[in-house]
């Protein structure tokens, strides 16, 4: 094992850099609680298993016979790192839709002031955003999407992409900017679809409580609206949990499909 890695050290390093940059930007693996040694060990394991299935023909002319570090090789490493960051960042965009959905109706529930640090998303997030984000992460692991990403998507990216794909994209069709703009648009669309049942119900409760408080001011219904909204929101979340899980899975499937289309477009193949 070690002899094969040493004999192909430049190629192994190119593969390892893309794997490491993916792990550094991927949700769950990018948490500060995960030790750097664990990321490096997983990177070495992934790179060793993928190295035999990677096409190096595009890089042959830029590697010296002595296998020394040159400026061209450093640029190739930077390109591979950027490809890993792009993949991990888009997966983070998918998870951001669930956090955003929680933020949409957390204000109406009265939890807008309860923002604490979320270890999964690495940002300050309301409690409901953390709740949906945690459920999405459990679904992501239960549906074996991590295996699909590492064993399928990562290997496919090495077969269709290299560091020159980004340069060709900037000089040609500019697929990446349009891809991320559409990804951000779908982020808010998915977040709105997920949060719409709770937002609509809470809006009706707010209107009803407001009308009743105007009709009978002595009842002080506004002070009773907060527990009513909390109980109603958690009841709706519990009742709609099977549908929410299906919505989460559809978001993941559509995200992976769009990522595959990006790989094909950057690789010069028709979608």
C-alpha atoms as a PDB file:
ATOM      1  CA  UNK A   1       0.000   0.000   0.000  1.00  0.00           C
ATOM      2  CA  UNK A   2       2.695   2.483   1.008  1.00  0.00           C
ATOM      3  CA  UNK A   3       4.861   1.587  -1.999  1.00  0.00           C
ATOM      4  CA  UNK A   4       2.037   2.292  -4.453  1.00  0.00           C
ATOM      5  CA  UNK A   5       1.353   5.649  -2.784  1.00  0.00           C
ATOM      6  CA  UNK A   6       5.023   6.667  -2.865  1.00  0.00           C
ATOM      7  CA  UNK A   7       5.449   5.613  -6.492  1.00  0.00           C
ATOM      8  CA  UNK A   8       2.520   7.831  -7.505  1.00  0.00           C
ATOM      9  CA  UNK A   9       2.908  10.551  -4.878  1.00  0.00           C
ATOM     10  CA  UNK A  10       1.947  13.554  -7.099  1.00  0.00           C
ATOM     11  CA  UNK A  11      -1.265  11.883  -8.269  1.00  0.00           C
ATOM     12  CA  UNK A  12      -2.096  10.737  -4.757  1.00  0.00           C
ATOM     13  CA  UNK A  13      -1.628  14.288  -3.487  1.00  0.00           C
ATOM     14  CA  UNK A  14      -3.928  15.701  -6.173  1.00  0.00           C
ATOM     15  CA  UNK A  15      -6.670  13.252  -5.204  1.00  0.00           C
ATOM     16  CA  UNK A  16      -6.113  13.832  -1.476  1.00  0.00           C
ATOM     17  CA  UNK A  17      -6.380  17.608  -1.801  1.00  0.00           C
ATOM     18  CA  UNK A  18      -9.810  17.404  -3.416  1.00  0.00           C
ATOM     19  CA  UNK A  19     -11.007  14.892  -0.815  1.00  0.00           C
ATOM     20  CA  UNK A  20      -9.667  17.000   2.068  1.00  0.00           C
ATOM     21  CA  UNK A  21     -11.232  20.236   0.797  1.00  0.00           C
ATOM     22  CA  UNK A  22     -14.558  18.393   0.437  1.00  0.00           C
ATOM     23  CA  UNK A  23     -14.380  17.178   4.034  1.00  0.00           C
ATOM     24  CA  UNK A  24     -13.487  20.658   5.275  1.00  0.00           C
ATOM     25  CA  UNK A  25     -16.647  22.175   3.738  1.00  0.00           C
ATOM     26  CA  UNK A  26     -19.087  19.263   4.081  1.00  0.00           C
ATOM     27  CA  UNK A  27     -21.712  19.469   6.867  1.00  0.00           C
ATOM     28  CA  UNK A  28     -20.948  17.324   9.922  1.00  0.00           C
ATOM     29  CA  UNK A  29     -17.334  16.731   8.844  1.00  0.00           C
ATOM     30  CA  UNK A  30     -16.569  20.465   8.996  1.00  0.00           C
ATOM     31  CA  UNK A  31     -17.507  20.692  12.684  1.00  0.00           C
ATOM     32  CA  UNK A  32     -14.801  21.927  15.013  1.00  0.00           C
ATOM     33  CA  UNK A  33     -15.425  18.983  17.332  1.00  0.00           C
ATOM     34  CA  UNK A  34     -14.015  16.573  14.749  1.00  0.00           C
ATOM     35  CA  UNK A  35     -10.278  16.259  15.198  1.00  0.00           C
ATOM     36  CA  UNK A  36      -8.028  17.198  12.285  1.00  0.00           C
ATOM     37  CA  UNK A  37      -6.255  13.845  12.519  1.00  0.00           C
ATOM     38  CA  UNK A  38      -9.567  12.083  11.802  1.00  0.00           C
ATOM     39  CA  UNK A  39     -10.089  14.204   8.686  1.00  0.00           C
ATOM     40  CA  UNK A  40      -6.539  13.503   7.483  1.00  0.00           C
ATOM     41  CA  UNK A  41      -6.949   9.750   8.077  1.00  0.00           C
ATOM     42  CA  UNK A  42     -10.278   9.678   6.214  1.00  0.00           C
ATOM     43  CA  UNK A  43      -8.741  11.737   3.416  1.00  0.00           C
ATOM     44  CA  UNK A  44      -5.886   9.244   3.025  1.00  0.00           C
ATOM     45  CA  UNK A  45      -8.309   6.321   2.997  1.00  0.00           C
ATOM     46  CA  UNK A  46     -10.550   7.929   0.367  1.00  0.00           C
ATOM     47  CA  UNK A  47      -7.623   9.017  -1.801  1.00  0.00           C
ATOM     48  CA  UNK A  48      -6.048   5.550  -1.740  1.00  0.00           C
ATOM     49  CA  UNK A  49      -9.305   3.874  -2.788  1.00  0.00           C
ATOM     50  CA  UNK A  50     -10.074   6.415  -5.510  1.00  0.00           C
ATOM     51  CA  UNK A  51      -6.550   6.784  -6.904  1.00  0.00           C
ATOM     52  CA  UNK A  52      -6.710   3.634  -9.026  1.00  0.00           C
ATOM     53  CA  UNK A  53      -9.869   4.842 -10.806  1.00  0.00           C
ATOM     54  CA  UNK A  54      -8.696   8.351 -11.707  1.00  0.00           C
ATOM     55  CA  UNK A  55      -7.699   9.369 -15.244  1.00  0.00           C
ATOM     56  CA  UNK A  56      -4.364  11.237 -15.057  1.00  0.00           C
ATOM     57  CA  UNK A  57      -3.922  11.847 -18.778  1.00  0.00           C
ATOM     58  CA  UNK A  58      -4.780  15.566 -18.505  1.00  0.00           C
ATOM     59  CA  UNK A  59      -2.049  16.087 -15.901  1.00  0.00           C
ATOM     60  CA  UNK A  60       0.805  14.149 -17.487  1.00  0.00           C
ATOM     61  CA  UNK A  61       2.319  17.133 -19.261  1.00  0.00           C
ATOM     62  CA  UNK A  62       2.405  19.271 -16.119  1.00  0.00           C
ATOM     63  CA  UNK A  63       4.251  16.837 -13.831  1.00  0.00           C
ATOM     64  CA  UNK A  64       8.024  16.670 -13.982  1.00  0.00           C
ATOM     65  CA  UNK A  65       9.832  13.375 -14.407  1.00  0.00           C
ATOM     66  CA  UNK A  66      11.555  13.861 -11.052  1.00  0.00           C
ATOM     67  CA  UNK A  67       8.162  14.340  -9.347  1.00  0.00           C
ATOM     68  CA  UNK A  68       9.232  17.651  -7.863  1.00  0.00           C
ATOM     69  CA  UNK A  69       6.954  20.485  -6.813  1.00  0.00           C
ATOM     70  CA  UNK A  70       6.667  23.135  -9.506  1.00  0.00           C
ATOM     71  CA  UNK A  71       4.520  26.222  -9.887  1.00  0.00           C
ATOM     72  CA  UNK A  72       2.297  24.368 -12.332  1.00  0.00           C
ATOM     73  CA  UNK A  73       1.779  21.553  -9.838  1.00  0.00           C
ATOM     74  CA  UNK A  74       0.848  24.069  -7.123  1.00  0.00           C
ATOM     75  CA  UNK A  75      -1.784  25.541  -9.442  1.00  0.00           C
ATOM     76  CA  UNK A  76      -3.156  22.062 -10.094  1.00  0.00           C
ATOM     77  CA  UNK A  77      -3.431  21.514  -6.343  1.00  0.00           C
ATOM     78  CA  UNK A  78      -5.319  24.802  -5.998  1.00  0.00           C
ATOM     79  CA  UNK A  79      -7.720  23.763  -8.774  1.00  0.00           C
ATOM     80  CA  UNK A  80      -8.383  20.395  -7.129  1.00  0.00           C
ATOM     81  CA  UNK A  81      -9.003  22.101  -3.792  1.00  0.00           C
ATOM     82  CA  UNK A  82     -11.478  24.478  -5.446  1.00  0.00           C
ATOM     83  CA  UNK A  83     -13.404  21.574  -6.970  1.00  0.00           C
ATOM     84  CA  UNK A  84     -13.738  19.968  -3.534  1.00  0.00           C
ATOM     85  CA  UNK A  85     -14.876  23.254  -2.004  1.00  0.00           C
ATOM     86  CA  UNK A  86     -17.510  23.689  -4.738  1.00  0.00           C
ATOM     87  CA  UNK A  87     -18.947  20.234  -4.048  1.00  0.00           C
ATOM     88  CA  UNK A  88     -18.998  20.668  -0.269  1.00  0.00           C
ATOM     89  CA  UNK A  89     -20.402  24.185  -0.492  1.00  0.00           C
ATOM     90  CA  UNK A  90     -23.342  23.053  -2.609  1.00  0.00           C
ATOM     91  CA  UNK A  91     -24.183  20.296  -0.102  1.00  0.00           C
ATOM     92  CA  UNK A  92     -24.093  22.993   2.591  1.00  0.00           C
ATOM     93  CA  UNK A  93     -26.570  25.031   0.522  1.00  0.00           C
ATOM     94  CA  UNK A  94     -28.976  22.073   0.573  1.00  0.00           C
ATOM     95  CA  UNK A  95     -28.781  21.901   4.371  1.00  0.00           C
ATOM     96  CA  UNK A  96     -29.174  25.663   4.644  1.00  0.00           C
ATOM     97  CA  UNK A  97     -32.681  25.319   3.198  1.00  0.00           C
ATOM     98  CA  UNK A  98     -33.787  23.440   6.322  1.00  0.00           C
ATOM     99  CA  UNK A  99     -32.245  25.988   8.681  1.00  0.00           C
ATOM    100  CA  UNK A 100     -33.879  28.789   6.704  1.00  0.00           C
ATOM    101  CA  UNK A 101     -37.253  27.024   6.909  1.00  0.00           C
ATOM    102  CA  UNK A 102     -36.952  26.961  10.693  1.00  0.00           C
ATOM    103  CA  UNK A 103     -36.077  30.649  10.746  1.00  0.00           C
ATOM    104  CA  UNK A 104     -39.174  31.490   8.699  1.00  0.00           C
ATOM    105  CA  UNK A 105     -41.682  30.299  11.304  1.00  0.00           C
ATOM    106  CA  UNK A 106     -39.517  30.685  14.446  1.00  0.00           C
ATOM    107  CA  UNK A 107     -40.425  34.383  14.565  1.00  0.00           C
ATOM    108  CA  UNK A 108     -44.153  33.638  14.544  1.00  0.00           C
ATOM    109  CA  UNK A 109     -43.710  30.985  17.229  1.00  0.00           C
ATOM    110  CA  UNK A 110     -41.883  33.434  19.476  1.00  0.00           C
ATOM    111  CA  UNK A 111     -38.489  31.710  19.232  1.00  0.00           C
ATOM    112  CA  UNK A 112     -36.796  34.407  17.153  1.00  0.00           C
ATOM    113  CA  UNK A 113     -34.792  35.640  20.169  1.00  0.00           C
ATOM    114  CA  UNK A 114     -33.570  32.131  21.067  1.00  0.00           C
ATOM    115  CA  UNK A 115     -30.605  32.031  18.694  1.00  0.00           C
ATOM    116  CA  UNK A 116     -27.697  29.898  19.845  1.00  0.00           C
ATOM    117  CA  UNK A 117     -24.613  28.535  18.116  1.00  0.00           C
ATOM    118  CA  UNK A 118     -25.413  25.615  15.812  1.00  0.00           C
ATOM    119  CA  UNK A 119     -22.514  23.176  15.548  1.00  0.00           C
ATOM    120  CA  UNK A 120     -23.862  21.641  12.322  1.00  0.00           C
ATOM    121  CA  UNK A 121     -24.270  24.841  10.310  1.00  0.00           C
ATOM    122  CA  UNK A 122     -21.474  26.735  12.140  1.00  0.00           C
ATOM    123  CA  UNK A 123     -23.665  29.859  12.533  1.00  0.00           C
ATOM    124  CA  UNK A 124     -26.082  31.392  15.010  1.00  0.00           C
ATOM    125  CA  UNK A 125     -29.375  29.673  14.361  1.00  0.00           C
ATOM    126  CA  UNK A 126     -32.846  29.720  16.012  1.00  0.00           C
ATOM    127  CA  UNK A 127     -33.924  26.597  17.858  1.00  0.00           C
ATOM    128  CA  UNK A 128     -36.350  25.489  15.140  1.00  0.00           C
ATOM    129  CA  UNK A 129     -33.668  25.888  12.491  1.00  0.00           C
ATOM    130  CA  UNK A 130     -31.366  23.643  14.529  1.00  0.00           C
ATOM    131  CA  UNK A 131     -34.203  21.167  15.008  1.00  0.00           C
ATOM    132  CA  UNK A 132     -34.886  20.824  11.278  1.00  0.00           C
ATOM    133  CA  UNK A 133     -31.177  20.801  10.492  1.00  0.00           C
ATOM    134  CA  UNK A 134     -30.597  17.938  12.933  1.00  0.00           C
ATOM    135  CA  UNK A 135     -33.474  15.944  11.461  1.00  0.00           C
ATOM    136  CA  UNK A 136     -32.094  16.541   7.961  1.00  0.00           C
ATOM    137  CA  UNK A 137     -28.657  15.304   9.055  1.00  0.00           C
ATOM    138  CA  UNK A 138     -30.178  12.139  10.561  1.00  0.00           C
ATOM    139  CA  UNK A 139     -32.109  11.522   7.330  1.00  0.00           C
ATOM    140  CA  UNK A 140     -28.936  12.153   5.320  1.00  0.00           C
ATOM    141  CA  UNK A 141     -27.119   9.454   7.277  1.00  0.00           C
ATOM    142  CA  UNK A 142     -30.082   7.059   7.451  1.00  0.00           C
ATOM    143  CA  UNK A 143     -30.604   7.185   3.678  1.00  0.00           C
ATOM    144  CA  UNK A 144     -26.880   6.406   3.178  1.00  0.00           C
ATOM    145  CA  UNK A 145     -26.367   9.596   1.225  1.00  0.00           C
ATOM    146  CA  UNK A 146     -22.869   9.992   2.657  1.00  0.00           C
ATOM    147  CA  UNK A 147     -21.934   6.710   0.979  1.00  0.00           C
ATOM    148  CA  UNK A 148     -23.603   7.894  -2.217  1.00  0.00           C
ATOM    149  CA  UNK A 149     -21.629  11.131  -2.081  1.00  0.00           C
ATOM    150  CA  UNK A 150     -18.235   9.576  -1.358  1.00  0.00           C
ATOM    151  CA  UNK A 151     -18.480   6.326  -3.317  1.00  0.00           C
ATOM    152  CA  UNK A 152     -20.543   7.670  -6.213  1.00  0.00           C
ATOM    153  CA  UNK A 153     -20.343  11.433  -6.531  1.00  0.00           C
ATOM    154  CA  UNK A 154     -16.695  11.843  -5.584  1.00  0.00           C
ATOM    155  CA  UNK A 155     -15.515   9.066  -7.899  1.00  0.00           C
ATOM    156  CA  UNK A 156     -17.679  10.435 -10.730  1.00  0.00           C
ATOM    157  CA  UNK A 157     -16.216  13.902 -10.231  1.00  0.00           C
ATOM    158  CA  UNK A 158     -12.705  12.538 -10.732  1.00  0.00           C
ATOM    159  CA  UNK A 159     -13.799  10.771 -13.911  1.00  0.00           C
ATOM    160  CA  UNK A 160     -15.372  13.859 -15.482  1.00  0.00           C
ATOM    161  CA  UNK A 161     -13.594  16.855 -13.887  1.00  0.00           C
ATOM    162  CA  UNK A 162     -10.071  18.126 -13.464  1.00  0.00           C
ATOM    163  CA  UNK A 163      -8.456  21.416 -12.532  1.00  0.00           C
ATOM    164  CA  UNK A 164      -8.721  22.662 -16.126  1.00  0.00           C
ATOM    165  CA  UNK A 165     -12.509  22.375 -16.072  1.00  0.00           C
ATOM    166  CA  UNK A 166     -12.813  25.559 -14.001  1.00  0.00           C
ATOM    167  CA  UNK A 167     -10.501  27.476 -16.349  1.00  0.00           C
ATOM    168  CA  UNK A 168     -12.459  26.317 -19.387  1.00  0.00           C
ATOM    169  CA  UNK A 169     -15.711  27.280 -17.669  1.00  0.00           C
ATOM    170  CA  UNK A 170     -14.482  30.805 -16.921  1.00  0.00           C
ATOM    171  CA  UNK A 171     -13.318  31.224 -20.487  1.00  0.00           C
ATOM    172  CA  UNK A 172     -16.444  29.713 -21.993  1.00  0.00           C
ATOM    173  CA  UNK A 173     -19.978  29.182 -20.812  1.00  0.00           C
ATOM    174  CA  UNK A 174     -19.649  30.291 -17.148  1.00  0.00           C
ATOM    175  CA  UNK A 175     -21.704  27.403 -15.772  1.00  0.00           C
ATOM    176  CA  UNK A 176     -20.634  27.852 -12.138  1.00  0.00           C
ATOM    177  CA  UNK A 177     -22.167  31.326 -11.461  1.00  0.00           C
ATOM    178  CA  UNK A 178     -25.501  30.299 -12.954  1.00  0.00           C
ATOM    179  CA  UNK A 179     -25.383  27.022 -11.028  1.00  0.00           C
ATOM    180  CA  UNK A 180     -24.922  28.682  -7.657  1.00  0.00           C
ATOM    181  CA  UNK A 181     -27.460  31.412  -8.386  1.00  0.00           C
ATOM    182  CA  UNK A 182     -30.060  28.776  -9.206  1.00  0.00           C
ATOM    183  CA  UNK A 183     -29.002  26.813  -6.127  1.00  0.00           C
ATOM    184  CA  UNK A 184     -29.604  29.836  -3.885  1.00  0.00           C
ATOM    185  CA  UNK A 185     -32.985  30.383  -5.545  1.00  0.00           C
ATOM    186  CA  UNK A 186     -33.980  26.787  -4.872  1.00  0.00           C
ATOM    187  CA  UNK A 187     -32.763  27.190  -1.283  1.00  0.00           C
ATOM    188  CA  UNK A 188     -35.394  29.821  -0.508  1.00  0.00           C
ATOM    189  CA  UNK A 189     -38.038  28.010  -2.559  1.00  0.00           C
ATOM    190  CA  UNK A 190     -37.511  24.742  -0.660  1.00  0.00           C
ATOM    191  CA  UNK A 191     -37.410  26.572   2.674  1.00  0.00           C
ATOM    192  CA  UNK A 192     -40.707  28.306   1.882  1.00  0.00           C
ATOM    193  CA  UNK A 193     -42.388  25.051   0.831  1.00  0.00           C
ATOM    194  CA  UNK A 194     -41.254  23.281   4.027  1.00  0.00           C
ATOM    195  CA  UNK A 195     -42.308  26.094   6.348  1.00  0.00           C
ATOM    196  CA  UNK A 196     -45.501  27.165   4.546  1.00  0.00           C
ATOM    197  CA  UNK A 197     -47.971  24.870   6.442  1.00  0.00           C
ATOM    198  CA  UNK A 198     -46.789  26.123   9.829  1.00  0.00           C
ATOM    199  CA  UNK A 199     -46.503  29.749   8.694  1.00  0.00           C
ATOM    200  CA  UNK A 200     -50.020  29.706   7.244  1.00  0.00           C
ATOM    201  CA  UNK A 201     -51.525  28.120  10.348  1.00  0.00           C
ATOM    202  CA  UNK A 202     -49.766  30.543  12.706  1.00  0.00           C
ATOM    203  CA  UNK A 203     -50.895  33.474  10.581  1.00  0.00           C
ATOM    204  CA  UNK A 204     -54.519  32.344  10.881  1.00  0.00           C
ATOM    205  CA  UNK A 205     -54.097  31.977  14.654  1.00  0.00           C
ATOM    206  CA  UNK A 206     -52.596  35.461  14.881  1.00  0.00           C
ATOM    207  CA  UNK A 207     -55.472  36.982  12.905  1.00  0.00           C
ATOM    208  CA  UNK A 208     -58.058  35.109  14.994  1.00  0.00           C
ATOM    209  CA  UNK A 209     -56.468  36.148  18.299  1.00  0.00           C
ATOM    210  CA  UNK A 210     -56.248  39.759  17.112  1.00  0.00           C
ATOM    211  CA  UNK A 211     -59.929  39.826  16.133  1.00  0.00           C
ATOM    212  CA  UNK A 212     -60.982  38.256  19.440  1.00  0.00           C
ATOM    213  CA  UNK A 213     -58.832  40.662  21.452  1.00  0.00           C
ATOM    214  CA  UNK A 214     -60.474  43.618  19.702  1.00  0.00           C
ATOM    215  CA  UNK A 215     -63.922  42.157  20.322  1.00  0.00           C
ATOM    216  CA  UNK A 216     -63.244  41.406  23.989  1.00  0.00           C
ATOM    217  CA  UNK A 217     -60.286  43.472  25.279  1.00  0.00           C
ATOM    218  CA  UNK A 218     -60.860  42.368  28.886  1.00  0.00           C
ATOM    219  CA  UNK A 219     -59.934  38.769  28.014  1.00  0.00           C
ATOM    220  CA  UNK A 220     -56.278  39.693  27.270  1.00  0.00           C
ATOM    221  CA  UNK A 221     -55.967  37.034  24.571  1.00  0.00           C
ATOM    222  CA  UNK A 222     -52.645  38.360  23.287  1.00  0.00           C
ATOM    223  CA  UNK A 223     -50.873  37.034  26.382  1.00  0.00           C
ATOM    224  CA  UNK A 224     -52.457  33.632  25.759  1.00  0.00           C
ATOM    225  CA  UNK A 225     -51.459  33.583  22.105  1.00  0.00           C
ATOM    226  CA  UNK A 226     -47.847  32.600  22.786  1.00  0.00           C
ATOM    227  CA  UNK A 227     -48.565  29.167  24.382  1.00  0.00           C
ATOM    228  CA  UNK A 228     -51.289  28.528  21.816  1.00  0.00           C
ATOM    229  CA  UNK A 229     -48.857  29.118  18.955  1.00  0.00           C
ATOM    230  CA  UNK A 230     -46.196  26.932  20.578  1.00  0.00           C
ATOM    231  CA  UNK A 231     -48.554  24.011  21.115  1.00  0.00           C
ATOM    232  CA  UNK A 232     -50.048  24.353  17.643  1.00  0.00           C
ATOM    233  CA  UNK A 233     -46.631  24.542  15.962  1.00  0.00           C
ATOM    234  CA  UNK A 234     -45.307  21.428  17.678  1.00  0.00           C
ATOM    235  CA  UNK A 235     -48.538  19.587  16.941  1.00  0.00           C
ATOM    236  CA  UNK A 236     -48.278  20.453  13.245  1.00  0.00           C
ATOM    237  CA  UNK A 237     -44.608  19.451  13.177  1.00  0.00           C
ATOM    238  CA  UNK A 238     -45.449  16.089  14.720  1.00  0.00           C
ATOM    239  CA  UNK A 239     -48.375  15.474  12.380  1.00  0.00           C
ATOM    240  CA  UNK A 240     -46.435  16.511   9.264  1.00  0.00           C
ATOM    241  CA  UNK A 241     -43.179  14.757  10.122  1.00  0.00           C
ATOM    242  CA  UNK A 242     -43.647  11.918   7.539  1.00  0.00           C
ATOM    243  CA  UNK A 243     -44.346  14.509   4.843  1.00  0.00           C
ATOM    244  CA  UNK A 244     -41.379  16.607   5.975  1.00  0.00           C
ATOM    245  CA  UNK A 245     -39.092  13.580   5.722  1.00  0.00           C
ATOM    246  CA  UNK A 246     -40.300  12.985   2.159  1.00  0.00           C
ATOM    247  CA  UNK A 247     -39.668  16.654   1.377  1.00  0.00           C
ATOM    248  CA  UNK A 248     -36.153  16.424   2.801  1.00  0.00           C
ATOM    249  CA  UNK A 249     -35.406  13.367   0.680  1.00  0.00           C
ATOM    250  CA  UNK A 250     -36.704  15.111  -2.442  1.00  0.00           C
ATOM    251  CA  UNK A 251     -34.446  18.085  -1.690  1.00  0.00           C
ATOM    252  CA  UNK A 252     -31.448  15.779  -1.369  1.00  0.00           C
ATOM    253  CA  UNK A 253     -32.297  13.870  -4.559  1.00  0.00           C
ATOM    254  CA  UNK A 254     -32.787  17.047  -6.587  1.00  0.00           C
ATOM    255  CA  UNK A 255     -29.563  18.502  -5.145  1.00  0.00           C
ATOM    256  CA  UNK A 256     -27.542  15.434  -6.106  1.00  0.00           C
ATOM    257  CA  UNK A 257     -29.102  15.456  -9.570  1.00  0.00           C
ATOM    258  CA  UNK A 258     -28.113  19.105 -10.057  1.00  0.00           C
ATOM    259  CA  UNK A 259     -24.601  18.359  -8.820  1.00  0.00           C
ATOM    260  CA  UNK A 260     -24.327  15.555 -11.366  1.00  0.00           C
ATOM    261  CA  UNK A 261     -25.472  17.942 -14.090  1.00  0.00           C
ATOM    262  CA  UNK A 262     -22.766  20.390 -13.009  1.00  0.00           C
ATOM    263  CA  UNK A 263     -20.110  17.681 -13.305  1.00  0.00           C
ATOM    264  CA  UNK A 264     -21.319  16.839 -16.804  1.00  0.00           C
ATOM    265  CA  UNK A 265     -21.430  20.484 -17.870  1.00  0.00           C
ATOM    266  CA  UNK A 266     -17.949  21.296 -16.523  1.00  0.00           C
ATOM    267  CA  UNK A 267     -16.593  18.098 -18.036  1.00  0.00           C
ATOM    268  CA  UNK A 268     -17.660  19.244 -21.485  1.00  0.00           C
ATOM    269  CA  UNK A 269     -20.459  16.686 -21.855  1.00  0.00           C
ATOM    270  CA  UNK A 270     -24.015  17.402 -22.830  1.00  0.00           C
ATOM    271  CA  UNK A 271     -26.671  17.357 -20.105  1.00  0.00           C
END
